[in-house]
Amino acid sequence: MEGLALTPDDAWSVHSVAHVYEMKAEVDKGLIFMESREKDWQGSDMLASHNYWHWALYFIEREQYEAALQIYDSQVFKRSKASGAMLDIVDACSMLCRLEMEGVCVKDRWRELLQITQPHTDDHVTLFNDLHFLMVSLGANEPGASQRLLEGLQELAKEPGDNQQHQLARTVGIPMCQAMMEYNQGNYSQAVALLHPLRYRMVDIGGSDAQRDLFNQLLIHAAMKSENKRHQKLGRCLVVERDAVRPNSPLTHRLMQKALALHD
């Protein structure tokens, strides 16, 4: 905030404050802050789209899905298509996945986003990017693209040497991709079996806590949807843990209600 007092159009300072409000689940403060500062940061070349993404997270927390979709359509998707920047693209992927887990139908948007991500299926620059591209091919119901991405990672994992991304593909990337594919097919128990052992390794894929939270949510949803009673108990434990870390989060409270319904 001191930085913004000195340089009001510093998009990085806006970004830092947005992270604090997100991690503390201070949703109302986040919404007021982002709106009040929009004119200062919306012209930033690198961070504008990402700051809009942060803004949309608060709307998703509040179940204001139309407001989140408006940001996606007018800013995040539009900017990712224009820039081709990986940060913009992965934010678009993440937003649709979060909305879909909330029960929002985004099928047509998956198809549009696939036109941007599909040319990068064979890039394999970072595992973080690959996981987001996989979200899109799964969401758009393109099993061929999904399988191609997984097989590409499997080939990289076979290569000798100490390349960090290749090692990550072996230990984290492939099982995470397989878990996402299992979840997409409704095999929730198998998704939990693959994801749960990796929950403390997910930090290795890169990105921020806010970005990686998507995979925490995926594990919770998979656990609660699993027919395995132990997985359902795990889901409840994960939600309680989440509530302790992010008190007063509306999204966490919604998950808690689902967990309690399973218990009943």
C-alpha atoms as a PDB file:
ATOM      1  CA  MET A   1       0.000   0.000   0.000  1.00  0.00           C
ATOM      2  CA  GLU A   2       2.954   2.311   0.607  1.00  0.00           C
ATOM      3  CA  GLY A   3       4.170   1.483  -2.885  1.00  0.00           C
ATOM      4  CA  LEU A   4       0.794   2.379  -4.376  1.00  0.00           C
ATOM      5  CA  ALA A   5       0.788   5.651  -2.465  1.00  0.00           C
ATOM      6  CA  LEU A   6       4.056   6.487  -4.234  1.00  0.00           C
ATOM      7  CA  THR A   7       3.223   4.935  -7.632  1.00  0.00           C
ATOM      8  CA  PRO A   8      -0.547   4.460  -8.084  1.00  0.00           C
ATOM      9  CA  ASP A   9      -0.204   2.700 -11.454  1.00  0.00           C
ATOM     10  CA  ASP A  10       2.199   0.009 -10.184  1.00  0.00           C
ATOM     11  CA  ALA A  11       0.377  -3.160 -11.247  1.00  0.00           C
ATOM     12  CA  TRP A  12       2.777  -5.320  -9.220  1.00  0.00           C
ATOM     13  CA  SER A  13       1.773  -3.610  -5.984  1.00  0.00           C
ATOM     14  CA  VAL A  14      -1.886  -4.122  -6.885  1.00  0.00           C
ATOM     15  CA  HIS A  15      -1.070  -7.776  -7.559  1.00  0.00           C
ATOM     16  CA  SER A  16       0.596  -8.174  -4.155  1.00  0.00           C
ATOM     17  CA  VAL A  17      -2.376  -6.721  -2.283  1.00  0.00           C
ATOM     18  CA  ALA A  18      -4.745  -8.925  -4.328  1.00  0.00           C
ATOM     19  CA  HIS A  19      -2.831 -11.996  -3.141  1.00  0.00           C
ATOM     20  CA  VAL A  20      -3.137 -10.958   0.496  1.00  0.00           C
ATOM     21  CA  TYR A  21      -6.902 -10.487   0.268  1.00  0.00           C
ATOM     22  CA  GLU A  22      -7.229 -13.813  -1.577  1.00  0.00           C
ATOM     23  CA  MET A  23      -5.205 -15.791   0.962  1.00  0.00           C
ATOM     24  CA  LYS A  24      -7.045 -14.200   3.907  1.00  0.00           C
ATOM     25  CA  ALA A  25     -10.414 -14.677   2.143  1.00  0.00           C
ATOM     26  CA  GLU A  26     -11.193 -10.998   2.692  1.00  0.00           C
ATOM     27  CA  VAL A  27     -13.476 -11.024  -0.302  1.00  0.00           C
ATOM     28  CA  ASP A  28     -15.308  -7.737   0.205  1.00  0.00           C
ATOM     29  CA  LYS A  29     -12.059  -5.840   0.722  1.00  0.00           C
ATOM     30  CA  GLY A  30     -10.627  -7.461  -2.401  1.00  0.00           C
ATOM     31  CA  LEU A  31     -13.613  -6.506  -4.535  1.00  0.00           C
ATOM     32  CA  ILE A  32     -13.575  -2.892  -3.355  1.00  0.00           C
ATOM     33  CA  PHE A  33      -9.813  -2.633  -3.786  1.00  0.00           C
ATOM     34  CA  MET A  34      -9.673  -4.026  -7.336  1.00  0.00           C
ATOM     35  CA  GLU A  35     -12.555  -1.880  -8.533  1.00  0.00           C
ATOM     36  CA  SER A  36     -11.133   1.273  -6.991  1.00  0.00           C
ATOM     37  CA  ARG A  37      -7.741   0.665  -8.628  1.00  0.00           C
ATOM     38  CA  GLU A  38      -8.820  -0.658 -12.040  1.00  0.00           C
ATOM     39  CA  LYS A  39      -8.112   2.549 -13.929  1.00  0.00           C
ATOM     40  CA  ASP A  40      -4.531   2.496 -12.621  1.00  0.00           C
ATOM     41  CA  TRP A  41      -3.546  -1.052 -13.595  1.00  0.00           C
ATOM     42  CA  GLN A  42      -5.755  -1.981 -16.571  1.00  0.00           C
ATOM     43  CA  GLY A  43      -3.176  -0.644 -19.019  1.00  0.00           C
ATOM     44  CA  SER A  44      -0.306  -2.774 -17.711  1.00  0.00           C
ATOM     45  CA  ASP A  45       1.105  -4.893 -20.541  1.00  0.00           C
ATOM     46  CA  MET A  46       2.039  -7.927 -18.471  1.00  0.00           C
ATOM     47  CA  LEU A  47      -0.157  -7.957 -15.395  1.00  0.00           C
ATOM     48  CA  ALA A  48      -3.492  -6.449 -16.422  1.00  0.00           C
ATOM     49  CA  SER A  49      -5.086  -9.744 -17.409  1.00  0.00           C
ATOM     50  CA  HIS A  50      -3.697 -11.473 -14.323  1.00  0.00           C
ATOM     51  CA  ASN A  51      -5.069  -8.767 -12.051  1.00  0.00           C
ATOM     52  CA  TYR A  52      -8.470  -9.189 -13.706  1.00  0.00           C
ATOM     53  CA  TRP A  53      -8.132 -12.910 -12.939  1.00  0.00           C
ATOM     54  CA  HIS A  54      -7.550 -12.098  -9.277  1.00  0.00           C
ATOM     55  CA  TRP A  55     -10.589  -9.838  -9.322  1.00  0.00           C
ATOM     56  CA  ALA A  56     -12.707 -12.650 -10.768  1.00  0.00           C
ATOM     57  CA  LEU A  57     -11.612 -15.025  -7.974  1.00  0.00           C
ATOM     58  CA  TYR A  58     -13.428 -12.813  -5.478  1.00  0.00           C
ATOM     59  CA  PHE A  59     -16.593 -12.975  -7.557  1.00  0.00           C
ATOM     60  CA  ILE A  60     -16.329 -16.777  -7.724  1.00  0.00           C
ATOM     61  CA  GLU A  61     -15.929 -16.861  -3.940  1.00  0.00           C
ATOM     62  CA  ARG A  62     -19.154 -14.857  -3.642  1.00  0.00           C
ATOM     63  CA  GLU A  63     -21.055 -17.045  -6.144  1.00  0.00           C
ATOM     64  CA  GLN A  64     -21.355 -14.044  -8.436  1.00  0.00           C
ATOM     65  CA  TYR A  65     -20.663 -16.177 -11.466  1.00  0.00           C
ATOM     66  CA  GLU A  66     -22.080 -13.808 -14.066  1.00  0.00           C
ATOM     67  CA  ALA A  67     -19.717 -11.088 -12.881  1.00  0.00           C
ATOM     68  CA  ALA A  68     -16.801 -13.537 -13.096  1.00  0.00           C
ATOM     69  CA  LEU A  69     -17.845 -14.610 -16.596  1.00  0.00           C
ATOM     70  CA  GLN A  70     -18.097 -10.981 -17.661  1.00  0.00           C
ATOM     71  CA  ILE A  71     -14.465 -10.480 -16.622  1.00  0.00           C
ATOM     72  CA  TYR A  72     -13.491 -13.696 -18.380  1.00  0.00           C
ATOM     73  CA  ASP A  73     -15.184 -12.754 -21.653  1.00  0.00           C
ATOM     74  CA  SER A  74     -14.279  -9.075 -21.793  1.00  0.00           C
ATOM     75  CA  GLN A  75     -10.793  -9.227 -20.306  1.00  0.00           C
ATOM     76  CA  VAL A  76      -9.113 -12.558 -19.573  1.00  0.00           C
ATOM     77  CA  PHE A  77     -10.045 -14.507 -22.705  1.00  0.00           C
ATOM     78  CA  LYS A  78      -9.872 -11.450 -24.945  1.00  0.00           C
ATOM     79  CA  ARG A  79      -6.416 -10.530 -23.679  1.00  0.00           C
ATOM     80  CA  SER A  80      -5.090 -14.108 -23.809  1.00  0.00           C
ATOM     81  CA  LYS A  81      -6.187 -14.387 -27.425  1.00  0.00           C
ATOM     82  CA  ALA A  82      -4.565 -11.068 -28.328  1.00  0.00           C
ATOM     83  CA  SER A  83      -1.307 -11.506 -26.433  1.00  0.00           C
ATOM     84  CA  GLY A  84      -0.627 -15.239 -26.668  1.00  0.00           C
ATOM     85  CA  ALA A  85       1.214 -14.816 -23.362  1.00  0.00           C
ATOM     86  CA  MET A  86       1.370 -17.958 -21.249  1.00  0.00           C
ATOM     87  CA  LEU A  87       0.361 -16.155 -18.040  1.00  0.00           C
ATOM     88  CA  ASP A  88      -2.772 -14.842 -19.737  1.00  0.00           C
ATOM     89  CA  ILE A  89      -3.587 -18.231 -21.259  1.00  0.00           C
ATOM     90  CA  VAL A  90      -3.171 -20.302 -18.086  1.00  0.00           C
ATOM     91  CA  ASP A  91      -5.329 -17.805 -16.206  1.00  0.00           C
ATOM     92  CA  ALA A  92      -8.100 -18.332 -18.741  1.00  0.00           C
ATOM     93  CA  CYS A  93      -7.755 -22.130 -18.339  1.00  0.00           C
ATOM     94  CA  SER A  94      -7.833 -21.901 -14.564  1.00  0.00           C
ATOM     95  CA  MET A  95     -10.852 -19.618 -14.490  1.00  0.00           C
ATOM     96  CA  LEU A  96     -12.998 -21.944 -16.569  1.00  0.00           C
ATOM     97  CA  CYS A  97     -11.975 -24.946 -14.476  1.00  0.00           C
ATOM     98  CA  ARG A  98     -12.852 -23.150 -11.237  1.00  0.00           C
ATOM     99  CA  LEU A  99     -16.220 -22.069 -12.613  1.00  0.00           C
ATOM    100  CA  GLU A 100     -16.961 -25.593 -13.824  1.00  0.00           C
ATOM    101  CA  MET A 101     -16.210 -27.032 -10.387  1.00  0.00           C
ATOM    102  CA  GLU A 102     -18.713 -24.502  -9.044  1.00  0.00           C
ATOM    103  CA  GLY A 103     -21.330 -25.996 -11.368  1.00  0.00           C
ATOM    104  CA  VAL A 104     -21.262 -23.266 -14.025  1.00  0.00           C
ATOM    105  CA  CYS A 105     -21.662 -24.450 -17.628  1.00  0.00           C
ATOM    106  CA  VAL A 106     -18.711 -23.179 -19.666  1.00  0.00           C
ATOM    107  CA  LYS A 107     -18.711 -25.768 -22.460  1.00  0.00           C
ATOM    108  CA  ASP A 108     -18.693 -23.315 -25.382  1.00  0.00           C
ATOM    109  CA  ARG A 109     -15.895 -21.319 -23.777  1.00  0.00           C
ATOM    110  CA  TRP A 110     -13.763 -24.465 -23.501  1.00  0.00           C
ATOM    111  CA  ARG A 111     -14.087 -24.925 -27.263  1.00  0.00           C
ATOM    112  CA  GLU A 112     -13.023 -21.323 -27.913  1.00  0.00           C
ATOM    113  CA  LEU A 113     -10.068 -21.575 -25.561  1.00  0.00           C
ATOM    114  CA  LEU A 114      -8.950 -24.843 -27.149  1.00  0.00           C
ATOM    115  CA  GLN A 115      -8.121 -22.906 -30.323  1.00  0.00           C
ATOM    116  CA  ILE A 116      -5.518 -21.011 -28.290  1.00  0.00           C
ATOM    117  CA  THR A 117      -4.070 -23.882 -26.246  1.00  0.00           C
ATOM    118  CA  GLN A 118      -4.064 -26.749 -28.755  1.00  0.00           C
ATOM    119  CA  PRO A 119      -1.107 -25.409 -30.780  1.00  0.00           C
ATOM    120  CA  HIS A 120       0.947 -25.671 -27.563  1.00  0.00           C
ATOM    121  CA  THR A 121       0.117 -29.323 -26.842  1.00  0.00           C
ATOM    122  CA  ASP A 122       3.618 -30.456 -27.784  1.00  0.00           C
ATOM    123  CA  ASP A 123       5.543 -27.533 -26.289  1.00  0.00           C
ATOM    124  CA  HIS A 124       6.202 -29.050 -22.847  1.00  0.00           C
ATOM    125  CA  VAL A 125       8.039 -25.929 -21.685  1.00  0.00           C
ATOM    126  CA  THR A 126       6.769 -26.201 -18.121  1.00  0.00           C
ATOM    127  CA  LEU A 127       4.629 -28.745 -16.351  1.00  0.00           C
ATOM    128  CA  PHE A 128       2.524 -25.893 -14.963  1.00  0.00           C
ATOM    129  CA  ASN A 129       1.506 -24.922 -18.504  1.00  0.00           C
ATOM    130  CA  ASP A 130       0.885 -28.534 -19.538  1.00  0.00           C
ATOM    131  CA  LEU A 131      -1.550 -29.121 -16.680  1.00  0.00           C
ATOM    132  CA  HIS A 132      -3.543 -26.067 -17.714  1.00  0.00           C
ATOM    133  CA  PHE A 133      -3.609 -27.064 -21.371  1.00  0.00           C
ATOM    134  CA  LEU A 134      -4.925 -30.461 -20.296  1.00  0.00           C
ATOM    135  CA  MET A 135      -7.810 -28.785 -18.461  1.00  0.00           C
ATOM    136  CA  VAL A 136      -8.923 -27.291 -21.754  1.00  0.00           C
ATOM    137  CA  SER A 137      -8.735 -30.442 -23.877  1.00  0.00           C
ATOM    138  CA  LEU A 138     -10.665 -32.310 -21.185  1.00  0.00           C
ATOM    139  CA  GLY A 139     -13.227 -29.541 -20.856  1.00  0.00           C
ATOM    140  CA  ALA A 140     -13.657 -29.350 -24.615  1.00  0.00           C
ATOM    141  CA  ASN A 141     -14.038 -33.145 -24.795  1.00  0.00           C
ATOM    142  CA  GLU A 142     -11.000 -33.612 -27.036  1.00  0.00           C
ATOM    143  CA  PRO A 143      -9.608 -36.961 -25.839  1.00  0.00           C
ATOM    144  CA  GLY A 144      -7.108 -37.058 -28.675  1.00  0.00           C
ATOM    145  CA  ALA A 145      -5.430 -33.843 -27.566  1.00  0.00           C
ATOM    146  CA  SER A 146      -5.507 -34.979 -23.928  1.00  0.00           C
ATOM    147  CA  GLN A 147      -3.888 -38.308 -24.729  1.00  0.00           C
ATOM    148  CA  ARG A 148      -1.293 -36.660 -26.965  1.00  0.00           C
ATOM    149  CA  LEU A 149      -0.262 -34.310 -24.174  1.00  0.00           C
ATOM    150  CA  LEU A 150       0.033 -37.166 -21.671  1.00  0.00           C
ATOM    151  CA  GLU A 151       2.029 -39.320 -24.081  1.00  0.00           C
ATOM    152  CA  GLY A 152       4.352 -36.399 -24.761  1.00  0.00           C
ATOM    153  CA  LEU A 153       5.074 -36.095 -21.062  1.00  0.00           C
ATOM    154  CA  GLN A 154       5.611 -39.834 -20.802  1.00  0.00           C
ATOM    155  CA  GLU A 155       8.212 -39.635 -23.569  1.00  0.00           C
ATOM    156  CA  LEU A 156       9.999 -36.765 -21.827  1.00  0.00           C
ATOM    157  CA  ALA A 157      10.018 -38.751 -18.597  1.00  0.00           C
ATOM    158  CA  LYS A 158      11.950 -41.526 -20.315  1.00  0.00           C
ATOM    159  CA  GLU A 159      14.778 -39.236 -21.376  1.00  0.00           C
ATOM    160  CA  PRO A 160      17.988 -39.598 -19.318  1.00  0.00           C
ATOM    161  CA  GLY A 161      19.569 -36.701 -17.501  1.00  0.00           C
ATOM    162  CA  ASP A 162      18.713 -34.313 -14.708  1.00  0.00           C
ATOM    163  CA  ASN A 163      16.441 -31.881 -16.544  1.00  0.00           C
ATOM    164  CA  GLN A 164      14.127 -30.540 -13.846  1.00  0.00           C
ATOM    165  CA  GLN A 165      11.001 -30.549 -15.989  1.00  0.00           C
ATOM    166  CA  HIS A 166      11.646 -34.125 -17.107  1.00  0.00           C
ATOM    167  CA  GLN A 167      12.087 -35.230 -13.500  1.00  0.00           C
ATOM    168  CA  LEU A 168       8.887 -33.429 -12.538  1.00  0.00           C
ATOM    169  CA  ALA A 169       7.087 -35.144 -15.377  1.00  0.00           C
ATOM    170  CA  ARG A 170       8.086 -38.522 -13.945  1.00  0.00           C
ATOM    171  CA  THR A 171       7.295 -37.858 -10.303  1.00  0.00           C
ATOM    172  CA  VAL A 172       4.474 -35.316 -10.366  1.00  0.00           C
ATOM    173  CA  GLY A 173       3.293 -34.404 -13.842  1.00  0.00           C
ATOM    174  CA  ILE A 174       2.177 -37.750 -15.210  1.00  0.00           C
ATOM    175  CA  PRO A 175       0.172 -38.808 -12.122  1.00  0.00           C
ATOM    176  CA  MET A 176      -1.421 -35.345 -11.906  1.00  0.00           C
ATOM    177  CA  CYS A 177      -2.451 -35.536 -15.555  1.00  0.00           C
ATOM    178  CA  GLN A 178      -3.785 -39.043 -15.053  1.00  0.00           C
ATOM    179  CA  ALA A 179      -5.742 -37.862 -11.995  1.00  0.00           C
ATOM    180  CA  MET A 180      -7.327 -35.054 -13.993  1.00  0.00           C
ATOM    181  CA  MET A 181      -8.282 -37.496 -16.731  1.00  0.00           C
ATOM    182  CA  GLU A 182      -9.770 -39.920 -14.209  1.00  0.00           C
ATOM    183  CA  TYR A 183     -11.752 -37.104 -12.599  1.00  0.00           C
ATOM    184  CA  ASN A 184     -13.051 -36.032 -15.997  1.00  0.00           C
ATOM    185  CA  GLN A 185     -14.263 -39.586 -16.621  1.00  0.00           C
ATOM    186  CA  GLY A 186     -16.037 -39.748 -13.270  1.00  0.00           C
ATOM    187  CA  ASN A 187     -13.482 -42.100 -11.702  1.00  0.00           C
ATOM    188  CA  TYR A 188     -13.215 -40.033  -8.534  1.00  0.00           C
ATOM    189  CA  SER A 189     -11.748 -42.730  -6.320  1.00  0.00           C
ATOM    190  CA  GLN A 190      -8.870 -43.246  -8.729  1.00  0.00           C
ATOM    191  CA  ALA A 191      -8.359 -39.482  -8.997  1.00  0.00           C
ATOM    192  CA  VAL A 192      -7.982 -39.267  -5.208  1.00  0.00           C
ATOM    193  CA  ALA A 193      -5.579 -42.204  -5.162  1.00  0.00           C
ATOM    194  CA  LEU A 194      -3.353 -40.379  -7.648  1.00  0.00           C
ATOM    195  CA  LEU A 195      -3.659 -36.822  -6.287  1.00  0.00           C
ATOM    196  CA  HIS A 196      -3.573 -37.283  -2.530  1.00  0.00           C
ATOM    197  CA  PRO A 197       0.021 -38.577  -2.310  1.00  0.00           C
ATOM    198  CA  LEU A 198       1.120 -35.517  -4.298  1.00  0.00           C
ATOM    199  CA  ARG A 199      -0.551 -32.792  -2.252  1.00  0.00           C
ATOM    200  CA  TYR A 200       2.749 -31.662  -0.709  1.00  0.00           C
ATOM    201  CA  ARG A 201       4.614 -31.997  -4.008  1.00  0.00           C
ATOM    202  CA  MET A 202       2.304 -29.730  -6.009  1.00  0.00           C
ATOM    203  CA  VAL A 203       4.381 -26.723  -5.008  1.00  0.00           C
ATOM    204  CA  ASP A 204       7.092 -28.084  -7.324  1.00  0.00           C
ATOM    205  CA  ILE A 205       5.048 -27.352 -10.452  1.00  0.00           C
ATOM    206  CA  GLY A 206       5.473 -23.596  -9.902  1.00  0.00           C
ATOM    207  CA  GLY A 207       2.923 -20.824  -9.813  1.00  0.00           C
ATOM    208  CA  SER A 208       1.546 -19.056  -6.776  1.00  0.00           C
ATOM    209  CA  ASP A 209      -0.480 -20.435  -3.874  1.00  0.00           C
ATOM    210  CA  ALA A 210      -3.542 -18.830  -5.449  1.00  0.00           C
ATOM    211  CA  GLN A 211      -2.904 -20.526  -8.782  1.00  0.00           C
ATOM    212  CA  ARG A 212      -2.157 -23.951  -7.291  1.00  0.00           C
ATOM    213  CA  ASP A 213      -5.259 -23.755  -5.097  1.00  0.00           C
ATOM    214  CA  LEU A 214      -7.160 -25.049  -8.113  1.00  0.00           C
ATOM    215  CA  PHE A 215      -5.568 -28.467  -7.571  1.00  0.00           C
ATOM    216  CA  ASN A 216      -6.406 -28.378  -3.864  1.00  0.00           C
ATOM    217  CA  GLN A 217     -10.024 -27.791  -4.808  1.00  0.00           C
ATOM    218  CA  LEU A 218      -9.858 -30.603  -7.357  1.00  0.00           C
ATOM    219  CA  LEU A 219      -8.671 -33.055  -4.686  1.00  0.00           C
ATOM    220  CA  ILE A 220     -11.452 -31.964  -2.318  1.00  0.00           C
ATOM    221  CA  HIS A 221     -14.133 -32.356  -4.984  1.00  0.00           C
ATOM    222  CA  ALA A 222     -12.766 -35.750  -6.025  1.00  0.00           C
ATOM    223  CA  ALA A 223     -12.690 -36.965  -2.416  1.00  0.00           C
ATOM    224  CA  MET A 224     -16.259 -35.862  -1.736  1.00  0.00           C
ATOM    225  CA  LYS A 225     -17.532 -37.381  -4.989  1.00  0.00           C
ATOM    226  CA  SER A 226     -15.750 -40.681  -4.428  1.00  0.00           C
ATOM    227  CA  GLU A 227     -17.859 -43.630  -3.281  1.00  0.00           C
ATOM    228  CA  ASN A 228     -15.010 -44.655  -0.981  1.00  0.00           C
ATOM    229  CA  LYS A 229     -15.984 -43.722   2.585  1.00  0.00           C
ATOM    230  CA  ARG A 230     -12.371 -43.100   3.536  1.00  0.00           C
ATOM    231  CA  HIS A 231     -12.067 -40.640   0.688  1.00  0.00           C
ATOM    232  CA  GLN A 232     -15.214 -38.865   1.837  1.00  0.00           C
ATOM    233  CA  LYS A 233     -13.724 -38.590   5.324  1.00  0.00           C
ATOM    234  CA  LEU A 234     -10.527 -37.240   3.756  1.00  0.00           C
ATOM    235  CA  GLY A 235     -12.594 -34.658   1.911  1.00  0.00           C
ATOM    236  CA  ARG A 236     -14.130 -33.464   5.178  1.00  0.00           C
ATOM    237  CA  CYS A 237     -10.693 -33.252   6.798  1.00  0.00           C
ATOM    238  CA  LEU A 238      -9.323 -31.240   3.886  1.00  0.00           C
ATOM    239  CA  VAL A 239     -12.223 -28.798   4.098  1.00  0.00           C
ATOM    240  CA  VAL A 240     -11.723 -28.343   7.853  1.00  0.00           C
ATOM    241  CA  GLU A 241      -8.028 -27.722   7.203  1.00  0.00           C
ATOM    242  CA  ARG A 242      -8.900 -25.234   4.467  1.00  0.00           C
ATOM    243  CA  ASP A 243     -11.277 -23.413   6.794  1.00  0.00           C
ATOM    244  CA  ALA A 244      -8.511 -23.055   9.383  1.00  0.00           C
ATOM    245  CA  VAL A 245      -6.152 -21.570   6.793  1.00  0.00           C
ATOM    246  CA  ARG A 246      -8.751 -19.342   5.061  1.00  0.00           C
ATOM    247  CA  PRO A 247     -11.297 -18.416   7.720  1.00  0.00           C
ATOM    248  CA  ASN A 248     -14.593 -16.943   6.551  1.00  0.00           C
ATOM    249  CA  SER A 249     -14.144 -18.084   2.947  1.00  0.00           C
ATOM    250  CA  PRO A 250     -17.577 -18.376   1.277  1.00  0.00           C
ATOM    251  CA  LEU A 251     -16.218 -21.023  -1.099  1.00  0.00           C
ATOM    252  CA  THR A 252     -14.905 -23.087   1.802  1.00  0.00           C
ATOM    253  CA  HIS A 253     -18.253 -22.790   3.566  1.00  0.00           C
ATOM    254  CA  ARG A 254     -19.993 -24.165   0.471  1.00  0.00           C
ATOM    255  CA  LEU A 255     -17.592 -27.086   0.450  1.00  0.00           C
ATOM    256  CA  MET A 256     -18.247 -27.589   4.160  1.00  0.00           C
ATOM    257  CA  GLN A 257     -21.979 -27.859   3.547  1.00  0.00           C
ATOM    258  CA  LYS A 258     -21.367 -30.536   0.924  1.00  0.00           C
ATOM    259  CA  ALA A 259     -19.048 -32.396   3.285  1.00  0.00           C
ATOM    260  CA  LEU A 260     -21.599 -32.294   6.094  1.00  0.00           C
ATOM    261  CA  ALA A 261     -24.290 -33.567   3.747  1.00  0.00           C
ATOM    262  CA  LEU A 262     -22.099 -36.569   2.975  1.00  0.00           C
ATOM    263  CA  HIS A 263     -21.650 -37.207   6.688  1.00  0.00           C
ATOM    264  CA  ASP A 264     -25.387 -37.099   7.242  1.00  0.00           C
END
